[in-house]
Amino acid sequence: MRRLLLGFFLIFAGAGIASAQMAPLPKPAAGQAVATFAGGCFWCTESDLDHVPGVISTTSGYTGGHVAKPSYEQVSAGGTGHAESVQVIYDPSKVSYQKLLTYYWRTVDPTVKDQQFCDHGNQYRTAIFVHNDEERKLAEASKKKVEAELKKPIHTQIVQAGVFYPAETYHQDFYLKNPTKYKFYRWNCGRDQRLKQIWGSHKGDS
């Protein structure tokens, strides 16, 4: 995303200090649950998961690394260990974690390591950050199923969830705030074209 974002610099140039502020992290209410995924560009992952019935909110951010309270510039440059990620709050009575996993797989290319589509680097890796033993069990089973289905090694990590740092406010709901620029980025990155090659019509696109 970093290369194409250079062309979007003027979007944020006049936004001032407020645009660099980190967004608040929503907390799940009673009866709600949290899931965390990395799928490359968090604009796209957020958009894809927002369209799943039962998902209440999505927050773009950074997790999996060793730098506290990282900025977008730090993460996108590499070296922080963090991945662009999305934290999901969902209603388990409407969508199970298993169904979220199924949808997640079809919004990423799990056959490549440390990249997604036009974005390259460890910060754009795919990962499932599990919050408990049950999530780990389901994630590992789903990974084996995907590997058997695609008949290729799957490079998506399954790791224990750690601190999740929300990204800057201008990244949140970017696909809604800047739909034309978002669609241009997504198309130019070849995301949906590649997803169709991997998954056919059974994919998430938005």
N, C-alpha and C. Protein backbone atom coordinates (compact mmCIF):
# COMPACT_ATOMS: atom_id res chain seq x y z
N MET A 1 0.83 -1.20 0.00
CA MET A 1 0.00 0.00 0.00
C MET A 1 0.86 1.25 0.00
N ARG A 2 2.08 1.15 0.50
CA ARG A 2 2.91 2.33 0.66
C ARG A 2 3.18 3.02 -0.67
N ARG A 3 3.49 2.25 -1.72
CA ARG A 3 3.83 2.88 -3.00
C ARG A 3 2.65 3.66 -3.56
N LEU A 4 1.49 3.07 -3.55
CA LEU A 4 0.32 3.76 -4.08
C LEU A 4 -0.11 4.90 -3.19
N LEU A 5 0.17 4.80 -1.89
CA LEU A 5 -0.21 5.88 -0.99
C LEU A 5 0.56 7.16 -1.27
N LEU A 6 1.74 7.04 -1.87
CA LEU A 6 2.48 8.24 -2.20
C LEU A 6 1.68 9.13 -3.14
N GLY A 7 0.91 8.48 -4.00
CA GLY A 7 0.08 9.24 -4.92
C GLY A 7 -1.12 9.87 -4.26
N PHE A 8 -1.42 9.44 -3.04
CA PHE A 8 -2.57 9.98 -2.31
C PHE A 8 -2.14 11.02 -1.27
N PHE A 9 -0.87 11.44 -1.33
CA PHE A 9 -0.35 12.31 -0.27
C PHE A 9 -1.21 13.54 -0.06
N LEU A 10 -1.70 14.11 -1.14
CA LEU A 10 -2.47 15.35 -1.01
C LEU A 10 -3.80 15.14 -0.31
N ILE A 11 -4.25 13.91 -0.23
CA ILE A 11 -5.50 13.64 0.49
C ILE A 11 -5.35 14.07 1.95
N PHE A 12 -4.16 13.80 2.48
CA PHE A 12 -3.95 14.01 3.90
C PHE A 12 -3.18 15.29 4.22
N ALA A 13 -2.63 15.93 3.18
CA ALA A 13 -1.75 17.06 3.43
C ALA A 13 -2.44 18.18 4.19
N GLY A 14 -3.72 18.38 3.90
CA GLY A 14 -4.43 19.45 4.57
C GLY A 14 -5.21 19.01 5.77
N ALA A 15 -5.03 17.77 6.17
CA ALA A 15 -5.84 17.23 7.27
C ALA A 15 -5.34 17.68 8.64
N GLY A 16 -4.07 18.13 8.69
CA GLY A 16 -3.56 18.67 9.95
C GLY A 16 -3.24 17.60 10.97
N ILE A 17 -3.04 18.04 12.20
CA ILE A 17 -2.64 17.14 13.28
C ILE A 17 -3.71 16.12 13.57
N ALA A 18 -4.99 16.49 13.40
CA ALA A 18 -6.07 15.56 13.75
C ALA A 18 -5.98 14.27 12.98
N SER A 19 -5.52 14.33 11.70
CA SER A 19 -5.47 13.13 10.88
C SER A 19 -4.46 12.12 11.39
N ALA A 20 -3.45 12.60 12.15
CA ALA A 20 -2.42 11.71 12.65
C ALA A 20 -2.79 11.09 13.99
N GLN A 21 -3.92 11.49 14.55
CA GLN A 21 -4.34 10.93 15.83
C GLN A 21 -4.80 9.49 15.65
N MET A 22 -4.49 8.68 16.65
CA MET A 22 -4.90 7.29 16.60
C MET A 22 -6.38 7.18 16.95
N ALA A 23 -7.06 6.28 16.27
CA ALA A 23 -8.49 6.08 16.52
C ALA A 23 -8.68 5.36 17.84
N PRO A 24 -9.82 5.55 18.50
CA PRO A 24 -10.11 4.78 19.71
C PRO A 24 -10.39 3.33 19.35
N LEU A 25 -10.14 2.44 20.27
CA LEU A 25 -10.39 1.01 20.04
C LEU A 25 -11.71 0.62 20.70
N PRO A 26 -12.73 0.27 19.90
CA PRO A 26 -14.02 -0.12 20.49
C PRO A 26 -13.88 -1.35 21.37
N LYS A 27 -14.69 -1.42 22.40
CA LYS A 27 -14.71 -2.57 23.29
C LYS A 27 -15.98 -3.38 23.05
N PRO A 28 -15.88 -4.70 23.05
CA PRO A 28 -17.09 -5.51 22.85
C PRO A 28 -18.05 -5.38 24.02
N ALA A 29 -19.32 -5.33 23.71
CA ALA A 29 -20.35 -5.31 24.75
C ALA A 29 -20.64 -6.74 25.19
N ALA A 30 -21.48 -6.87 26.19
CA ALA A 30 -21.87 -8.21 26.66
C ALA A 30 -22.48 -9.00 25.52
N GLY A 31 -22.03 -10.23 25.37
CA GLY A 31 -22.56 -11.09 24.32
C GLY A 31 -21.85 -10.95 22.99
N GLN A 32 -20.90 -10.02 22.90
CA GLN A 32 -20.13 -9.84 21.67
C GLN A 32 -18.74 -10.46 21.82
N ALA A 33 -18.07 -10.68 20.69
CA ALA A 33 -16.76 -11.31 20.71
C ALA A 33 -15.80 -10.55 19.79
N VAL A 34 -14.50 -10.85 19.94
CA VAL A 34 -13.46 -10.17 19.18
C VAL A 34 -12.65 -11.18 18.37
N ALA A 35 -12.34 -10.82 17.14
CA ALA A 35 -11.45 -11.62 16.29
C ALA A 35 -10.47 -10.66 15.63
N THR A 36 -9.26 -11.15 15.34
CA THR A 36 -8.23 -10.29 14.76
C THR A 36 -7.56 -11.00 13.59
N PHE A 37 -7.49 -10.28 12.46
CA PHE A 37 -6.94 -10.85 11.24
C PHE A 37 -6.00 -9.86 10.56
N ALA A 38 -4.97 -10.40 9.89
CA ALA A 38 -4.11 -9.60 9.01
C ALA A 38 -4.29 -10.15 7.60
N GLY A 39 -4.56 -9.25 6.67
CA GLY A 39 -4.80 -9.69 5.29
C GLY A 39 -4.23 -8.73 4.27
N GLY A 40 -3.04 -8.18 4.56
CA GLY A 40 -2.49 -7.18 3.66
C GLY A 40 -3.06 -5.82 3.99
N CYS A 41 -3.29 -5.01 2.98
CA CYS A 41 -3.82 -3.66 3.17
C CYS A 41 -5.05 -3.66 4.06
N PHE A 42 -4.97 -2.95 5.18
CA PHE A 42 -6.10 -3.00 6.11
C PHE A 42 -7.33 -2.25 5.61
N TRP A 43 -7.16 -1.34 4.65
CA TRP A 43 -8.35 -0.73 4.04
C TRP A 43 -9.24 -1.82 3.45
N CYS A 44 -8.60 -2.76 2.73
CA CYS A 44 -9.34 -3.81 2.03
C CYS A 44 -9.89 -4.84 3.00
N THR A 45 -9.09 -5.25 3.95
CA THR A 45 -9.54 -6.24 4.93
C THR A 45 -10.73 -5.70 5.72
N GLU A 46 -10.65 -4.43 6.11
CA GLU A 46 -11.74 -3.81 6.84
C GLU A 46 -13.01 -3.79 6.01
N SER A 47 -12.88 -3.39 4.75
CA SER A 47 -14.04 -3.34 3.87
C SER A 47 -14.67 -4.72 3.69
N ASP A 48 -13.83 -5.72 3.44
CA ASP A 48 -14.34 -7.08 3.24
C ASP A 48 -15.09 -7.59 4.46
N LEU A 49 -14.49 -7.43 5.63
CA LEU A 49 -15.10 -7.99 6.84
C LEU A 49 -16.32 -7.18 7.31
N ASP A 50 -16.35 -5.90 6.97
CA ASP A 50 -17.52 -5.09 7.30
C ASP A 50 -18.79 -5.62 6.64
N HIS A 51 -18.63 -6.33 5.54
CA HIS A 51 -19.79 -6.81 4.78
C HIS A 51 -20.29 -8.18 5.24
N VAL A 52 -19.71 -8.72 6.27
CA VAL A 52 -20.14 -10.02 6.78
C VAL A 52 -21.31 -9.81 7.75
N PRO A 53 -22.46 -10.41 7.49
CA PRO A 53 -23.59 -10.28 8.43
C PRO A 53 -23.19 -10.78 9.82
N GLY A 54 -23.46 -9.99 10.83
CA GLY A 54 -23.09 -10.35 12.19
C GLY A 54 -21.88 -9.59 12.69
N VAL A 55 -21.11 -8.99 11.77
CA VAL A 55 -19.98 -8.15 12.18
C VAL A 55 -20.53 -6.80 12.62
N ILE A 56 -20.13 -6.37 13.80
CA ILE A 56 -20.64 -5.12 14.38
C ILE A 56 -19.72 -3.95 14.06
N SER A 57 -18.40 -4.17 14.17
CA SER A 57 -17.46 -3.10 13.86
C SER A 57 -16.12 -3.69 13.46
N THR A 58 -15.36 -2.90 12.71
CA THR A 58 -14.00 -3.27 12.34
C THR A 58 -13.09 -2.08 12.59
N THR A 59 -11.88 -2.35 13.07
CA THR A 59 -10.92 -1.29 13.34
C THR A 59 -9.59 -1.65 12.72
N SER A 60 -9.08 -0.79 11.85
CA SER A 60 -7.76 -1.00 11.25
C SER A 60 -6.68 -0.67 12.27
N GLY A 61 -5.60 -1.45 12.25
CA GLY A 61 -4.53 -1.18 13.20
C GLY A 61 -3.31 -2.04 12.96
N TYR A 62 -2.49 -2.13 13.99
CA TYR A 62 -1.21 -2.80 13.91
C TYR A 62 -1.06 -3.76 15.09
N THR A 63 -0.57 -4.96 14.82
CA THR A 63 -0.34 -5.93 15.89
C THR A 63 0.68 -6.96 15.44
N GLY A 64 1.20 -7.69 16.41
CA GLY A 64 2.14 -8.77 16.10
C GLY A 64 3.60 -8.37 16.16
N GLY A 65 3.88 -7.10 16.50
CA GLY A 65 5.25 -6.63 16.50
C GLY A 65 5.78 -6.27 17.87
N HIS A 66 6.88 -5.52 17.89
CA HIS A 66 7.57 -5.23 19.14
C HIS A 66 7.68 -3.74 19.45
N VAL A 67 7.11 -2.89 18.60
CA VAL A 67 7.18 -1.44 18.81
C VAL A 67 5.87 -0.96 19.40
N ALA A 68 5.93 -0.26 20.53
CA ALA A 68 4.71 0.24 21.17
C ALA A 68 4.18 1.46 20.42
N LYS A 69 2.87 1.49 20.28
CA LYS A 69 2.17 2.62 19.67
C LYS A 69 2.82 3.07 18.36
N PRO A 70 2.95 2.16 17.41
CA PRO A 70 3.62 2.52 16.15
C PRO A 70 2.74 3.43 15.28
N SER A 71 3.40 4.19 14.43
CA SER A 71 2.68 5.01 13.44
C SER A 71 2.60 4.23 12.13
N TYR A 72 1.76 4.72 11.24
CA TYR A 72 1.67 4.10 9.92
C TYR A 72 3.01 4.15 9.20
N GLU A 73 3.71 5.28 9.32
CA GLU A 73 4.99 5.43 8.64
C GLU A 73 5.98 4.37 9.13
N GLN A 74 5.99 4.11 10.44
CA GLN A 74 6.89 3.11 10.99
C GLN A 74 6.55 1.71 10.50
N VAL A 75 5.27 1.37 10.55
CA VAL A 75 4.87 0.01 10.15
C VAL A 75 5.08 -0.21 8.67
N SER A 76 4.68 0.74 7.85
CA SER A 76 4.78 0.55 6.40
C SER A 76 6.23 0.51 5.93
N ALA A 77 7.13 1.12 6.70
CA ALA A 77 8.55 1.08 6.34
C ALA A 77 9.19 -0.26 6.67
N GLY A 78 8.53 -1.07 7.51
CA GLY A 78 9.07 -2.36 7.92
C GLY A 78 9.97 -2.25 9.14
N GLY A 79 10.22 -3.38 9.76
CA GLY A 79 11.13 -3.42 10.89
C GLY A 79 10.46 -3.38 12.26
N THR A 80 9.15 -3.11 12.32
CA THR A 80 8.48 -3.07 13.62
C THR A 80 7.97 -4.45 14.04
N GLY A 81 7.88 -5.37 13.08
CA GLY A 81 7.30 -6.68 13.35
C GLY A 81 5.78 -6.69 13.27
N HIS A 82 5.16 -5.51 13.22
CA HIS A 82 3.71 -5.43 13.16
C HIS A 82 3.18 -5.73 11.76
N ALA A 83 1.97 -6.24 11.71
CA ALA A 83 1.26 -6.41 10.45
C ALA A 83 0.07 -5.46 10.41
N GLU A 84 -0.22 -4.94 9.24
CA GLU A 84 -1.48 -4.21 9.08
C GLU A 84 -2.60 -5.21 9.35
N SER A 85 -3.46 -4.89 10.28
CA SER A 85 -4.45 -5.85 10.76
C SER A 85 -5.80 -5.18 10.99
N VAL A 86 -6.78 -6.01 11.22
CA VAL A 86 -8.13 -5.52 11.52
C VAL A 86 -8.68 -6.27 12.71
N GLN A 87 -9.18 -5.53 13.69
CA GLN A 87 -9.84 -6.14 14.83
C GLN A 87 -11.35 -6.06 14.62
N VAL A 88 -12.01 -7.18 14.77
CA VAL A 88 -13.43 -7.32 14.48
C VAL A 88 -14.21 -7.56 15.76
N ILE A 89 -15.28 -6.83 15.94
CA ILE A 89 -16.24 -7.13 16.99
C ILE A 89 -17.47 -7.70 16.30
N TYR A 90 -17.91 -8.87 16.76
CA TYR A 90 -19.02 -9.54 16.08
C TYR A 90 -19.99 -10.15 17.07
N ASP A 91 -21.14 -10.50 16.56
CA ASP A 91 -22.20 -11.13 17.36
C ASP A 91 -22.19 -12.63 17.09
N PRO A 92 -21.72 -13.44 18.03
CA PRO A 92 -21.63 -14.89 17.80
C PRO A 92 -22.97 -15.56 17.54
N SER A 93 -24.07 -14.90 17.92
CA SER A 93 -25.39 -15.48 17.65
C SER A 93 -25.78 -15.33 16.18
N LYS A 94 -25.04 -14.47 15.46
CA LYS A 94 -25.35 -14.22 14.05
C LYS A 94 -24.27 -14.74 13.10
N VAL A 95 -23.03 -14.76 13.58
CA VAL A 95 -21.94 -15.30 12.77
C VAL A 95 -20.94 -15.96 13.71
N SER A 96 -20.62 -17.20 13.44
CA SER A 96 -19.67 -17.92 14.29
C SER A 96 -18.24 -17.57 13.91
N TYR A 97 -17.32 -17.88 14.80
CA TYR A 97 -15.90 -17.67 14.49
C TYR A 97 -15.50 -18.53 13.31
N GLN A 98 -16.06 -19.73 13.23
CA GLN A 98 -15.77 -20.62 12.11
C GLN A 98 -16.17 -19.98 10.79
N LYS A 99 -17.33 -19.33 10.75
CA LYS A 99 -17.77 -18.67 9.52
C LYS A 99 -16.90 -17.46 9.20
N LEU A 100 -16.46 -16.75 10.23
CA LEU A 100 -15.54 -15.64 10.00
C LEU A 100 -14.25 -16.14 9.36
N LEU A 101 -13.74 -17.26 9.84
CA LEU A 101 -12.54 -17.85 9.26
C LEU A 101 -12.75 -18.19 7.79
N THR A 102 -13.87 -18.81 7.48
CA THR A 102 -14.17 -19.19 6.10
C THR A 102 -14.18 -17.96 5.20
N TYR A 103 -14.80 -16.90 5.67
CA TYR A 103 -14.85 -15.68 4.88
C TYR A 103 -13.47 -15.05 4.77
N TYR A 104 -12.74 -15.03 5.86
CA TYR A 104 -11.40 -14.43 5.85
C TYR A 104 -10.51 -15.07 4.79
N TRP A 105 -10.47 -16.41 4.77
CA TRP A 105 -9.59 -17.09 3.82
C TRP A 105 -9.85 -16.64 2.39
N ARG A 106 -11.10 -16.40 2.08
CA ARG A 106 -11.47 -16.06 0.70
C ARG A 106 -11.29 -14.58 0.37
N THR A 107 -10.72 -13.84 1.31
CA THR A 107 -10.38 -12.44 1.04
C THR A 107 -8.87 -12.23 0.99
N VAL A 108 -8.10 -13.31 1.05
CA VAL A 108 -6.63 -13.19 1.02
C VAL A 108 -6.05 -14.24 0.08
N ASP A 109 -4.78 -14.03 -0.26
CA ASP A 109 -3.99 -15.04 -0.98
C ASP A 109 -3.06 -15.68 0.04
N PRO A 110 -3.44 -16.84 0.59
CA PRO A 110 -2.63 -17.45 1.65
C PRO A 110 -1.45 -18.25 1.12
N THR A 111 -1.25 -18.26 -0.20
CA THR A 111 -0.19 -19.08 -0.80
C THR A 111 1.13 -18.34 -0.93
N VAL A 112 1.15 -17.07 -0.52
CA VAL A 112 2.39 -16.28 -0.62
C VAL A 112 2.83 -15.84 0.78
N LYS A 113 4.12 -15.61 0.91
CA LYS A 113 4.68 -15.24 2.20
C LYS A 113 5.09 -13.77 2.20
N ASP A 114 4.75 -13.07 3.27
CA ASP A 114 5.18 -11.68 3.47
C ASP A 114 4.82 -10.77 2.31
N GLN A 115 3.62 -10.95 1.80
CA GLN A 115 3.11 -10.05 0.78
C GLN A 115 1.63 -10.34 0.58
N GLN A 116 0.94 -9.36 0.02
CA GLN A 116 -0.42 -9.54 -0.44
C GLN A 116 -0.62 -8.65 -1.65
N PHE A 117 -0.80 -9.30 -2.80
CA PHE A 117 -1.09 -8.58 -4.03
C PHE A 117 0.06 -7.62 -4.36
N CYS A 118 -0.16 -6.31 -4.46
CA CYS A 118 0.93 -5.41 -4.84
C CYS A 118 1.78 -4.96 -3.66
N ASP A 119 1.41 -5.36 -2.45
CA ASP A 119 2.13 -4.92 -1.26
C ASP A 119 3.09 -6.01 -0.77
N HIS A 120 4.32 -5.63 -0.56
CA HIS A 120 5.35 -6.61 -0.18
C HIS A 120 6.01 -6.22 1.13
N GLY A 121 6.35 -7.23 1.91
CA GLY A 121 7.00 -7.01 3.20
C GLY A 121 6.25 -7.74 4.30
N ASN A 122 6.98 -8.01 5.40
CA ASN A 122 6.40 -8.72 6.53
C ASN A 122 5.19 -8.01 7.12
N GLN A 123 5.12 -6.70 6.95
CA GLN A 123 3.99 -5.93 7.46
C GLN A 123 2.70 -6.19 6.69
N TYR A 124 2.83 -6.87 5.54
CA TYR A 124 1.65 -7.22 4.75
C TYR A 124 1.41 -8.72 4.72
N ARG A 125 1.93 -9.42 5.71
CA ARG A 125 1.71 -10.86 5.80
C ARG A 125 0.26 -11.16 6.16
N THR A 126 -0.15 -12.40 5.92
CA THR A 126 -1.46 -12.84 6.39
C THR A 126 -1.28 -13.56 7.72
N ALA A 127 -2.21 -13.32 8.64
CA ALA A 127 -2.12 -13.93 9.96
C ALA A 127 -3.48 -13.95 10.62
N ILE A 128 -3.69 -14.97 11.43
CA ILE A 128 -4.87 -15.07 12.28
C ILE A 128 -4.36 -14.98 13.72
N PHE A 129 -4.76 -13.93 14.41
CA PHE A 129 -4.32 -13.72 15.79
C PHE A 129 -5.40 -14.27 16.72
N VAL A 130 -5.11 -15.40 17.34
CA VAL A 130 -6.13 -16.09 18.13
C VAL A 130 -6.14 -15.58 19.57
N HIS A 131 -7.33 -15.50 20.15
CA HIS A 131 -7.50 -14.95 21.49
C HIS A 131 -7.67 -16.03 22.56
N ASN A 132 -7.87 -17.28 22.14
CA ASN A 132 -8.03 -18.36 23.11
C ASN A 132 -7.77 -19.70 22.44
N ASP A 133 -7.79 -20.76 23.23
CA ASP A 133 -7.47 -22.09 22.70
C ASP A 133 -8.50 -22.57 21.69
N GLU A 134 -9.76 -22.23 21.88
CA GLU A 134 -10.78 -22.65 20.94
C GLU A 134 -10.58 -22.00 19.57
N GLU A 135 -10.24 -20.72 19.57
CA GLU A 135 -9.97 -20.05 18.30
C GLU A 135 -8.76 -20.69 17.61
N ARG A 136 -7.73 -21.02 18.39
CA ARG A 136 -6.55 -21.65 17.79
C ARG A 136 -6.91 -23.00 17.15
N LYS A 137 -7.69 -23.78 17.86
CA LYS A 137 -8.10 -25.08 17.34
C LYS A 137 -8.86 -24.93 16.02
N LEU A 138 -9.81 -24.00 15.99
CA LEU A 138 -10.61 -23.78 14.78
C LEU A 138 -9.76 -23.21 13.65
N ALA A 139 -8.85 -22.30 13.99
CA ALA A 139 -8.00 -21.70 12.96
C ALA A 139 -7.06 -22.73 12.34
N GLU A 140 -6.47 -23.58 13.17
CA GLU A 140 -5.55 -24.59 12.65
C GLU A 140 -6.29 -25.62 11.79
N ALA A 141 -7.50 -25.97 12.19
CA ALA A 141 -8.29 -26.91 11.38
C ALA A 141 -8.67 -26.29 10.05
N SER A 142 -9.03 -25.01 10.07
CA SER A 142 -9.42 -24.35 8.82
C SER A 142 -8.22 -24.18 7.90
N LYS A 143 -7.05 -23.96 8.47
CA LYS A 143 -5.84 -23.82 7.66
C LYS A 143 -5.53 -25.14 6.94
N LYS A 144 -5.68 -26.25 7.64
CA LYS A 144 -5.45 -27.55 7.02
C LYS A 144 -6.45 -27.80 5.89
N LYS A 145 -7.67 -27.37 6.11
CA LYS A 145 -8.71 -27.54 5.08
C LYS A 145 -8.39 -26.72 3.84
N VAL A 146 -7.93 -25.50 4.04
CA VAL A 146 -7.57 -24.63 2.91
C VAL A 146 -6.37 -25.19 2.16
N GLU A 147 -5.40 -25.71 2.89
CA GLU A 147 -4.22 -26.30 2.26
C GLU A 147 -4.60 -27.48 1.39
N ALA A 148 -5.53 -28.29 1.88
CA ALA A 148 -6.00 -29.44 1.10
C ALA A 148 -6.79 -28.98 -0.13
N GLU A 149 -7.55 -27.92 0.04
CA GLU A 149 -8.37 -27.41 -1.06
C GLU A 149 -7.51 -26.80 -2.17
N LEU A 150 -6.52 -26.01 -1.78
CA LEU A 150 -5.69 -25.32 -2.77
C LEU A 150 -4.51 -26.17 -3.25
N LYS A 151 -4.19 -27.21 -2.48
CA LYS A 151 -3.08 -28.10 -2.82
C LYS A 151 -1.75 -27.34 -2.94
N LYS A 152 -1.58 -26.38 -2.04
CA LYS A 152 -0.35 -25.59 -1.98
C LYS A 152 -0.02 -25.30 -0.52
N PRO A 153 1.25 -25.03 -0.22
CA PRO A 153 1.58 -24.63 1.14
C PRO A 153 0.87 -23.32 1.50
N ILE A 154 0.42 -23.24 2.73
CA ILE A 154 -0.28 -22.05 3.21
C ILE A 154 0.64 -21.30 4.17
N HIS A 155 0.90 -20.04 3.89
CA HIS A 155 1.87 -19.26 4.66
C HIS A 155 1.22 -18.38 5.72
N THR A 156 -0.08 -18.44 5.87
CA THR A 156 -0.77 -17.64 6.87
C THR A 156 -0.38 -18.11 8.27
N GLN A 157 0.05 -17.18 9.09
CA GLN A 157 0.44 -17.50 10.46
C GLN A 157 -0.79 -17.63 11.36
N ILE A 158 -0.68 -18.50 12.34
CA ILE A 158 -1.68 -18.57 13.42
C ILE A 158 -0.90 -18.33 14.71
N VAL A 159 -1.13 -17.18 15.32
CA VAL A 159 -0.34 -16.76 16.47
C VAL A 159 -1.23 -16.18 17.56
N GLN A 160 -0.71 -16.19 18.76
CA GLN A 160 -1.45 -15.64 19.89
C GLN A 160 -1.63 -14.13 19.73
N ALA A 161 -2.84 -13.65 19.95
CA ALA A 161 -3.11 -12.22 19.86
C ALA A 161 -2.40 -11.48 20.98
N GLY A 162 -1.88 -10.32 20.63
CA GLY A 162 -1.23 -9.46 21.62
C GLY A 162 -1.91 -8.09 21.63
N VAL A 163 -1.14 -7.08 21.96
CA VAL A 163 -1.70 -5.72 21.99
C VAL A 163 -2.04 -5.28 20.57
N PHE A 164 -3.22 -4.73 20.42
CA PHE A 164 -3.66 -4.22 19.12
C PHE A 164 -3.67 -2.70 19.20
N TYR A 165 -2.93 -2.07 18.29
CA TYR A 165 -2.85 -0.61 18.26
C TYR A 165 -3.69 -0.07 17.12
N PRO A 166 -4.75 0.67 17.39
CA PRO A 166 -5.57 1.24 16.31
C PRO A 166 -4.73 2.17 15.44
N ALA A 167 -5.00 2.13 14.14
CA ALA A 167 -4.31 3.02 13.22
C ALA A 167 -4.87 4.44 13.32
N GLU A 168 -4.23 5.34 12.61
CA GLU A 168 -4.63 6.73 12.58
C GLU A 168 -6.07 6.86 12.08
N THR A 169 -6.74 7.90 12.53
CA THR A 169 -8.17 8.06 12.22
C THR A 169 -8.44 8.11 10.72
N TYR A 170 -7.51 8.66 9.93
CA TYR A 170 -7.79 8.78 8.49
C TYR A 170 -7.81 7.42 7.80
N HIS A 171 -7.26 6.38 8.44
CA HIS A 171 -7.30 5.04 7.85
C HIS A 171 -8.64 4.33 8.13
N GLN A 172 -9.33 4.73 9.18
CA GLN A 172 -10.56 4.04 9.56
C GLN A 172 -11.67 4.32 8.53
N ASP A 173 -12.34 3.25 8.08
CA ASP A 173 -13.42 3.38 7.10
C ASP A 173 -12.97 4.14 5.85
N PHE A 174 -11.72 3.92 5.45
CA PHE A 174 -11.21 4.65 4.29
C PHE A 174 -12.05 4.37 3.06
N TYR A 175 -12.53 3.15 2.92
CA TYR A 175 -13.31 2.79 1.73
C TYR A 175 -14.63 3.55 1.67
N LEU A 176 -15.12 4.02 2.81
CA LEU A 176 -16.34 4.81 2.84
C LEU A 176 -16.04 6.31 2.69
N LYS A 177 -14.96 6.76 3.31
CA LYS A 177 -14.62 8.18 3.27
C LYS A 177 -14.08 8.61 1.90
N ASN A 178 -13.37 7.71 1.24
CA ASN A 178 -12.72 8.02 -0.04
C ASN A 178 -12.97 6.88 -1.04
N PRO A 179 -14.23 6.65 -1.42
CA PRO A 179 -14.56 5.48 -2.24
C PRO A 179 -13.86 5.43 -3.59
N THR A 180 -13.70 6.56 -4.25
CA THR A 180 -13.07 6.55 -5.57
C THR A 180 -11.60 6.17 -5.46
N LYS A 181 -10.90 6.79 -4.53
CA LYS A 181 -9.48 6.50 -4.35
C LYS A 181 -9.27 5.08 -3.84
N TYR A 182 -10.19 4.62 -2.97
CA TYR A 182 -10.09 3.25 -2.48
C TYR A 182 -10.26 2.24 -3.62
N LYS A 183 -11.27 2.44 -4.45
CA LYS A 183 -11.52 1.50 -5.55
C LYS A 183 -10.38 1.51 -6.55
N PHE A 184 -9.80 2.68 -6.77
CA PHE A 184 -8.64 2.76 -7.67
C PHE A 184 -7.49 1.96 -7.10
N TYR A 185 -7.21 2.15 -5.82
CA TYR A 185 -6.11 1.40 -5.19
C TYR A 185 -6.36 -0.10 -5.29
N ARG A 186 -7.56 -0.52 -4.94
CA ARG A 186 -7.87 -1.95 -4.91
C ARG A 186 -7.76 -2.57 -6.30
N TRP A 187 -8.28 -1.86 -7.30
CA TRP A 187 -8.20 -2.37 -8.67
C TRP A 187 -6.76 -2.40 -9.15
N ASN A 188 -6.03 -1.30 -8.91
CA ASN A 188 -4.65 -1.20 -9.39
C ASN A 188 -3.74 -2.21 -8.71
N CYS A 189 -4.10 -2.60 -7.51
CA CYS A 189 -3.31 -3.59 -6.77
C CYS A 189 -3.59 -5.02 -7.25
N GLY A 190 -4.68 -5.19 -7.98
CA GLY A 190 -5.01 -6.51 -8.53
C GLY A 190 -5.59 -7.47 -7.52
N ARG A 191 -6.13 -6.94 -6.44
CA ARG A 191 -6.62 -7.79 -5.36
C ARG A 191 -7.75 -8.72 -5.81
N ASP A 192 -8.81 -8.14 -6.35
CA ASP A 192 -9.96 -8.97 -6.70
C ASP A 192 -9.68 -9.88 -7.89
N GLN A 193 -8.81 -9.42 -8.80
CA GLN A 193 -8.44 -10.26 -9.92
C GLN A 193 -7.74 -11.53 -9.44
N ARG A 194 -6.83 -11.36 -8.48
CA ARG A 194 -6.09 -12.52 -7.95
C ARG A 194 -7.01 -13.40 -7.10
N LEU A 195 -7.89 -12.79 -6.32
CA LEU A 195 -8.82 -13.59 -5.51
C LEU A 195 -9.70 -14.46 -6.39
N LYS A 196 -10.11 -13.92 -7.53
CA LYS A 196 -10.95 -14.71 -8.43
C LYS A 196 -10.19 -15.90 -8.99
N GLN A 197 -8.88 -15.69 -9.26
CA GLN A 197 -8.05 -16.80 -9.75
C GLN A 197 -7.96 -17.91 -8.71
N ILE A 198 -7.83 -17.53 -7.45
CA ILE A 198 -7.66 -18.52 -6.39
C ILE A 198 -8.97 -19.19 -6.00
N TRP A 199 -10.00 -18.37 -5.77
CA TRP A 199 -11.23 -18.84 -5.15
C TRP A 199 -12.43 -18.89 -6.09
N GLY A 200 -12.29 -18.42 -7.32
CA GLY A 200 -13.43 -18.35 -8.21
C GLY A 200 -14.43 -17.34 -7.70
N SER A 201 -15.69 -17.65 -7.78
CA SER A 201 -16.73 -16.72 -7.33
C SER A 201 -16.94 -16.77 -5.82
N HIS A 202 -16.31 -17.74 -5.16
CA HIS A 202 -16.49 -17.89 -3.70
C HIS A 202 -15.44 -17.09 -2.97
N LYS A 203 -15.59 -15.79 -3.01
CA LYS A 203 -14.62 -14.91 -2.38
C LYS A 203 -15.34 -13.70 -1.81
N GLY A 204 -14.63 -12.94 -1.01
CA GLY A 204 -15.20 -11.69 -0.52
C GLY A 204 -14.67 -10.55 -1.35
N ASP A 205 -15.52 -9.73 -1.89
CA ASP A 205 -15.07 -8.52 -2.56
C ASP A 205 -16.04 -7.40 -2.27
N SER A 206 -15.52 -6.18 -2.21
CA SER A 206 -16.36 -5.05 -1.85
C SER A 206 -15.71 -3.77 -2.31
